[in-house]
């Protein structure tokens, strides 16, 4: 179980909701309390067998799939904790019991997210195929009072990972902050929530000292040592651009050997930027 892409807070909330339902299901089935471990355990080095994988397909207001991956030995351990079950050689019966536990978790999981995502259903099945490329991965470990532990990795496929983003609010803490923050003129509360969803997206900005139009001949004649005169004088402010649009102006500075910009003017485009 090797994570390939770490979850953001929205995907983490989705997985937390499922694992809470999962813990409730195995607690009820085993008759003893289970809980999340403080930190997920590393993959047991002694378990080199093919992992047990279960695919869960979502249909309705949410579409996509996520895959659950277990260590085979830990599935044996989990099944042995169920009433009237013993640890035999792994077989189809173990997978069937695991599917029943997951279906029990799903029956609590779907209604818990209905207010946020609408009505959707989940069907589960055994999955021999490996996790999809580009999946968002969340791994957790549950333990009981006997210090038995079961690790499970959730792989959220790209379709579902994308579907979660525009539908989910930014979380209770962020939602409270939005509700108590003054919204910029002309921006609705919903637009403010949408903006908060992308506040951590990294953008490429460019520092422009000036520009100059050159003919193709002049470009072809450029050599080492050529000097190109720009249209900006030394005392004029340099520009900070985002996707070709000037968003700020200021003075060029040097910080630890790197160019920087001391902002003296922010463009009005930044405060009036529309959300599409």
Protein backbone atom coordinates (compact mmCIF):
# COMPACT_ATOMS: atom_id res chain seq x y z
CA UNK A 1 0.00 0.00 0.00
CA UNK A 2 2.10 2.91 -1.28
CA UNK A 3 0.49 6.38 -1.42
CA UNK A 4 1.02 8.22 -4.70
CA UNK A 5 -0.84 11.48 -4.07
CA UNK A 6 -1.60 12.99 -0.69
CA UNK A 7 -5.16 14.14 0.07
CA UNK A 8 -6.23 17.73 0.54
CA UNK A 9 -8.67 18.72 3.26
CA UNK A 10 -11.78 18.01 1.18
CA UNK A 11 -10.70 14.48 0.25
CA UNK A 12 -9.52 13.96 3.83
CA UNK A 13 -12.98 14.88 5.12
CA UNK A 14 -14.57 12.42 2.71
CA UNK A 15 -12.26 9.60 3.84
CA UNK A 16 -12.66 10.51 7.53
CA UNK A 17 -16.44 10.19 7.17
CA UNK A 18 -16.09 6.74 5.61
CA UNK A 19 -13.58 5.48 8.17
CA UNK A 20 -15.84 6.68 11.00
CA UNK A 21 -18.64 4.56 9.53
CA UNK A 22 -16.17 1.69 9.03
CA UNK A 23 -15.14 1.79 12.70
CA UNK A 24 -18.78 1.81 13.80
CA UNK A 25 -19.49 -1.23 11.60
CA UNK A 26 -16.63 -3.38 12.88
CA UNK A 27 -17.30 -2.30 16.47
CA UNK A 28 -20.91 -3.46 16.18
CA UNK A 29 -19.98 -6.68 14.35
CA UNK A 30 -17.20 -7.70 16.75
CA UNK A 31 -18.88 -6.57 19.96
CA UNK A 32 -15.74 -4.74 21.09
CA UNK A 33 -14.72 -1.11 20.53
CA UNK A 34 -12.35 -0.16 17.73
CA UNK A 35 -10.81 3.26 17.15
CA UNK A 36 -8.35 5.08 14.91
CA UNK A 37 -4.69 4.63 15.78
CA UNK A 38 -2.78 7.81 16.53
CA UNK A 39 -0.66 7.26 13.43
CA UNK A 40 -1.15 4.75 10.60
CA UNK A 41 1.16 1.76 10.90
CA UNK A 42 3.76 1.01 8.26
CA UNK A 43 3.18 -1.93 5.97
CA UNK A 44 4.03 -5.16 7.78
CA UNK A 45 7.21 -6.48 6.23
CA UNK A 46 6.19 -10.09 6.89
CA UNK A 47 3.00 -9.84 4.80
CA UNK A 48 4.18 -10.37 1.25
CA UNK A 49 0.93 -11.91 0.01
CA UNK A 50 -1.34 -10.24 -2.52
CA UNK A 51 -3.44 -7.61 -0.72
CA UNK A 52 -7.22 -7.80 -0.52
CA UNK A 53 -8.89 -5.09 -2.58
CA UNK A 54 -12.50 -3.95 -2.57
CA UNK A 55 -13.90 -1.49 -5.13
CA UNK A 56 -16.76 0.82 -4.16
CA UNK A 57 -18.62 2.46 -7.06
CA UNK A 58 -20.71 5.59 -6.46
CA UNK A 59 -23.78 6.47 -8.52
CA UNK A 60 -26.24 9.33 -8.23
CA UNK A 61 -25.26 12.87 -7.24
CA UNK A 62 -21.68 11.61 -6.81
CA UNK A 63 -20.03 9.41 -9.42
CA UNK A 64 -16.72 7.64 -9.41
CA UNK A 65 -14.96 4.92 -7.48
CA UNK A 66 -12.67 4.41 -4.56
CA UNK A 67 -10.73 1.29 -3.71
CA UNK A 68 -9.97 -0.12 -0.27
CA UNK A 69 -6.80 -2.20 0.14
CA UNK A 70 -6.13 -4.47 3.12
CA UNK A 71 -3.31 -6.77 4.16
CA UNK A 72 -4.48 -10.35 3.80
CA UNK A 73 -3.19 -11.40 7.24
CA UNK A 74 -5.01 -8.48 8.86
CA UNK A 75 -8.28 -9.45 7.17
CA UNK A 76 -7.81 -12.91 8.75
CA UNK A 77 -7.31 -11.17 12.09
CA UNK A 78 -10.38 -9.00 11.66
CA UNK A 79 -12.60 -11.91 10.67
CA UNK A 80 -11.37 -13.88 13.69
CA UNK A 81 -12.73 -11.12 15.93
CA UNK A 82 -16.25 -11.66 14.65
CA UNK A 83 -18.50 -13.95 16.70
CA UNK A 84 -18.26 -17.66 15.78
CA UNK A 85 -15.43 -17.05 13.32
CA UNK A 86 -12.01 -18.69 13.38
CA UNK A 87 -8.80 -18.00 11.51
CA UNK A 88 -8.63 -20.49 8.68
CA UNK A 89 -6.65 -20.33 5.46
CA UNK A 90 -7.74 -17.24 3.59
CA UNK A 91 -10.61 -17.99 1.22
CA UNK A 92 -13.70 -16.54 -0.36
CA UNK A 93 -15.46 -16.58 3.00
CA UNK A 94 -13.10 -13.97 4.37
CA UNK A 95 -13.79 -11.66 1.43
CA UNK A 96 -17.52 -12.16 1.89
CA UNK A 97 -17.33 -11.20 5.56
CA UNK A 98 -15.22 -8.18 4.65
CA UNK A 99 -17.77 -7.11 2.03
CA UNK A 100 -20.56 -7.42 4.60
CA UNK A 101 -18.67 -5.16 7.00
CA UNK A 102 -18.05 -2.61 4.25
CA UNK A 103 -21.71 -2.69 3.16
CA UNK A 104 -22.70 -2.07 6.76
CA UNK A 105 -20.37 0.93 6.85
CA UNK A 106 -21.79 2.22 3.56
CA UNK A 107 -25.33 2.15 4.97
CA UNK A 108 -24.23 4.77 7.52
CA UNK A 109 -21.79 6.62 5.27
CA UNK A 110 -24.18 7.61 2.46
CA UNK A 111 -26.84 9.24 4.67
CA UNK A 112 -24.14 11.06 6.63
CA UNK A 113 -23.00 12.89 3.48
CA UNK A 114 -26.41 13.38 1.89
CA UNK A 115 -26.74 17.00 3.06
CA UNK A 116 -23.43 17.93 1.43
CA UNK A 117 -23.49 15.80 -1.71
CA UNK A 118 -27.09 14.82 -2.30
CA UNK A 119 -28.38 11.29 -2.77
CA UNK A 120 -25.99 8.64 -4.02
CA UNK A 121 -25.58 4.89 -3.71
CA UNK A 122 -22.50 2.70 -3.37
CA UNK A 123 -22.03 -0.84 -4.62
CA UNK A 124 -19.03 -2.90 -3.48
CA UNK A 125 -17.22 -5.81 -5.09
CA UNK A 126 -13.95 -7.69 -4.88
CA UNK A 127 -11.27 -6.01 -7.00
CA UNK A 128 -8.31 -8.01 -8.32
CA UNK A 129 -6.85 -5.03 -10.20
CA UNK A 130 -4.29 -2.65 -8.66
CA UNK A 131 -5.22 0.93 -7.64
CA UNK A 132 -5.73 3.44 -10.48
CA UNK A 133 -2.98 5.81 -11.57
CA UNK A 134 -3.23 9.31 -10.10
CA UNK A 135 -5.48 8.26 -7.22
CA UNK A 136 -5.69 10.35 -4.06
CA UNK A 137 -4.54 8.08 -1.24
CA UNK A 138 -5.55 8.10 2.42
CA UNK A 139 -4.18 5.42 4.74
CA UNK A 140 -5.36 4.72 8.26
CA UNK A 141 -5.09 2.06 10.96
CA UNK A 142 -7.79 0.96 13.38
CA UNK A 143 -7.06 -0.79 16.68
CA UNK A 144 -9.08 -2.45 19.42
CA UNK A 145 -8.54 -2.95 23.13
CA UNK A 146 -6.53 -6.14 22.50
CA UNK A 147 -3.95 -4.09 20.55
CA UNK A 148 -5.04 -5.76 17.33
CA UNK A 149 -4.60 -3.45 14.37
CA UNK A 150 -5.94 -3.39 10.82
CA UNK A 151 -4.50 -1.01 8.24
CA UNK A 152 -6.50 0.09 5.22
CA UNK A 153 -5.61 2.35 2.31
CA UNK A 154 -8.30 4.26 0.42
CA UNK A 155 -7.57 5.13 -3.21
CA UNK A 156 -9.96 7.79 -4.55
CA UNK A 157 -9.92 7.64 -8.33
CA UNK A 158 -9.47 10.90 -10.30
CA UNK A 159 -13.11 11.07 -11.39
CA UNK A 160 -14.43 10.95 -7.84
CA UNK A 161 -11.63 13.18 -6.52
CA UNK A 162 -12.65 15.84 -9.03
CA UNK A 163 -16.37 15.41 -8.36
CA UNK A 164 -15.87 16.06 -4.66
CA UNK A 165 -14.25 19.47 -5.11
CA UNK A 166 -17.02 21.74 -6.44
CA UNK A 167 -19.75 20.14 -4.34
CA UNK A 168 -18.09 20.16 -0.96
CA UNK A 169 -18.01 23.16 1.36
CA UNK A 170 -14.62 24.18 2.68
CA UNK A 171 -15.18 22.60 6.10
CA UNK A 172 -16.95 23.77 9.25
CA UNK A 173 -14.12 26.02 10.42
CA UNK A 174 -13.72 27.72 7.06
CA UNK A 175 -17.48 28.03 6.63
CA UNK A 176 -17.74 29.80 9.98
CA UNK A 177 -14.93 32.13 8.94
CA UNK A 178 -16.72 32.95 5.70
CA UNK A 179 -19.97 33.61 7.53
CA UNK A 180 -18.31 36.08 9.92
CA UNK A 181 -16.05 37.78 7.38
CA UNK A 182 -17.09 40.89 5.51
CA UNK A 183 -17.61 39.92 1.88
CA UNK A 184 -16.13 42.16 -0.78
CA UNK A 185 -18.64 44.40 -2.57
CA UNK A 186 -20.29 42.60 -5.48
CA UNK A 187 -19.19 39.15 -4.26
CA UNK A 188 -21.87 36.78 -2.95
CA UNK A 189 -21.38 34.40 -0.02
CA UNK A 190 -21.34 31.43 -2.43
CA UNK A 191 -18.65 33.10 -4.54
CA UNK A 192 -16.62 33.70 -1.39
CA UNK A 193 -16.87 29.98 -0.52
CA UNK A 194 -15.79 29.07 -4.04
CA UNK A 195 -12.83 31.42 -3.74
CA UNK A 196 -11.77 29.80 -0.46
CA UNK A 197 -11.68 26.42 -2.21
CA UNK A 198 -8.86 27.59 -4.51
CA UNK A 199 -6.94 29.90 -2.20
CA UNK A 200 -4.09 27.39 -1.87
CA UNK A 201 -3.67 26.85 -5.62
CA UNK A 202 -0.20 27.92 -6.75
CA UNK A 203 -0.01 30.44 -9.59
CA UNK A 204 2.96 31.46 -11.74
CA UNK A 205 3.67 35.18 -11.67
CA UNK A 206 6.20 37.08 -13.78
CA UNK A 207 8.27 40.16 -13.00
CA UNK A 208 8.53 42.45 -16.06
CA UNK A 209 11.16 45.18 -16.22
CA UNK A 210 9.97 46.39 -19.61
CA UNK A 211 9.16 45.31 -23.13
CA UNK A 212 10.20 45.97 -26.68
CA UNK A 213 8.84 44.97 -30.09
CA UNK A 214 11.42 43.37 -32.36
CA UNK A 215 11.18 42.42 -35.99
CA UNK A 216 11.90 38.86 -36.96
CA UNK A 217 15.15 40.07 -38.54
CA UNK A 218 16.24 41.68 -35.27
CA UNK A 219 15.43 38.51 -33.36
CA UNK A 220 17.45 36.38 -35.80
CA UNK A 221 20.40 38.77 -35.50
CA UNK A 222 20.62 38.45 -31.69
CA UNK A 223 23.99 37.16 -30.52
CA UNK A 224 25.86 36.91 -27.25
CA UNK A 225 26.60 40.48 -26.17
CA UNK A 226 23.65 42.06 -27.99
CA UNK A 227 21.85 44.80 -26.06
CA UNK A 228 18.06 45.14 -26.27
CA UNK A 229 16.76 48.49 -25.06
CA UNK A 230 13.43 48.30 -23.17
CA UNK A 231 10.66 50.87 -23.02
CA UNK A 232 10.96 51.51 -19.27
CA UNK A 233 13.32 54.00 -17.59
CA UNK A 234 15.26 53.08 -14.46
CA UNK A 235 13.08 55.11 -12.09
CA UNK A 236 9.84 53.66 -13.43
CA UNK A 237 8.20 50.82 -11.43
CA UNK A 238 8.49 47.26 -12.66
CA UNK A 239 5.37 45.13 -13.15
CA UNK A 240 4.15 41.87 -11.63
CA UNK A 241 2.06 39.86 -14.09
CA UNK A 242 -0.37 36.94 -13.72
CA UNK A 243 -1.31 35.30 -17.02
CA UNK A 244 -0.22 38.44 -18.87
CA UNK A 245 -2.29 40.79 -16.64
CA UNK A 246 -0.57 43.38 -14.46
CA UNK A 247 -1.58 42.74 -10.84
CA UNK A 248 0.98 44.92 -9.03
CA UNK A 249 3.84 47.39 -9.54
CA UNK A 250 6.81 48.21 -7.39
CA UNK A 251 10.55 48.52 -6.97
CA UNK A 252 12.99 45.79 -7.92
CA UNK A 253 15.08 44.57 -4.98
CA UNK A 254 17.67 41.86 -4.41
CA UNK A 255 17.00 39.30 -1.67
CA UNK A 256 19.73 36.75 -0.91
CA UNK A 257 21.01 37.06 -4.46
CA UNK A 258 17.55 36.74 -6.04
CA UNK A 259 15.41 39.39 -7.66
CA UNK A 260 12.37 40.47 -5.72
CA UNK A 261 9.63 43.11 -5.81
CA UNK A 262 8.73 45.65 -3.15
CA UNK A 263 5.08 46.31 -3.98
CA UNK A 264 4.04 49.96 -4.13
CA UNK A 265 0.78 49.62 -6.06
CA UNK A 266 -1.79 46.83 -6.37
CA UNK A 267 -3.97 46.73 -9.47
CA UNK A 268 -7.72 47.05 -9.05
CA UNK A 269 -8.06 43.81 -11.06
CA UNK A 270 -7.04 41.88 -7.94
CA UNK A 271 -9.95 43.15 -5.83
CA UNK A 272 -12.50 42.90 -8.65
CA UNK A 273 -11.40 39.51 -10.00
CA UNK A 274 -14.48 37.50 -11.01
CA UNK A 275 -15.03 33.86 -10.11
CA UNK A 276 -16.00 31.67 -13.05
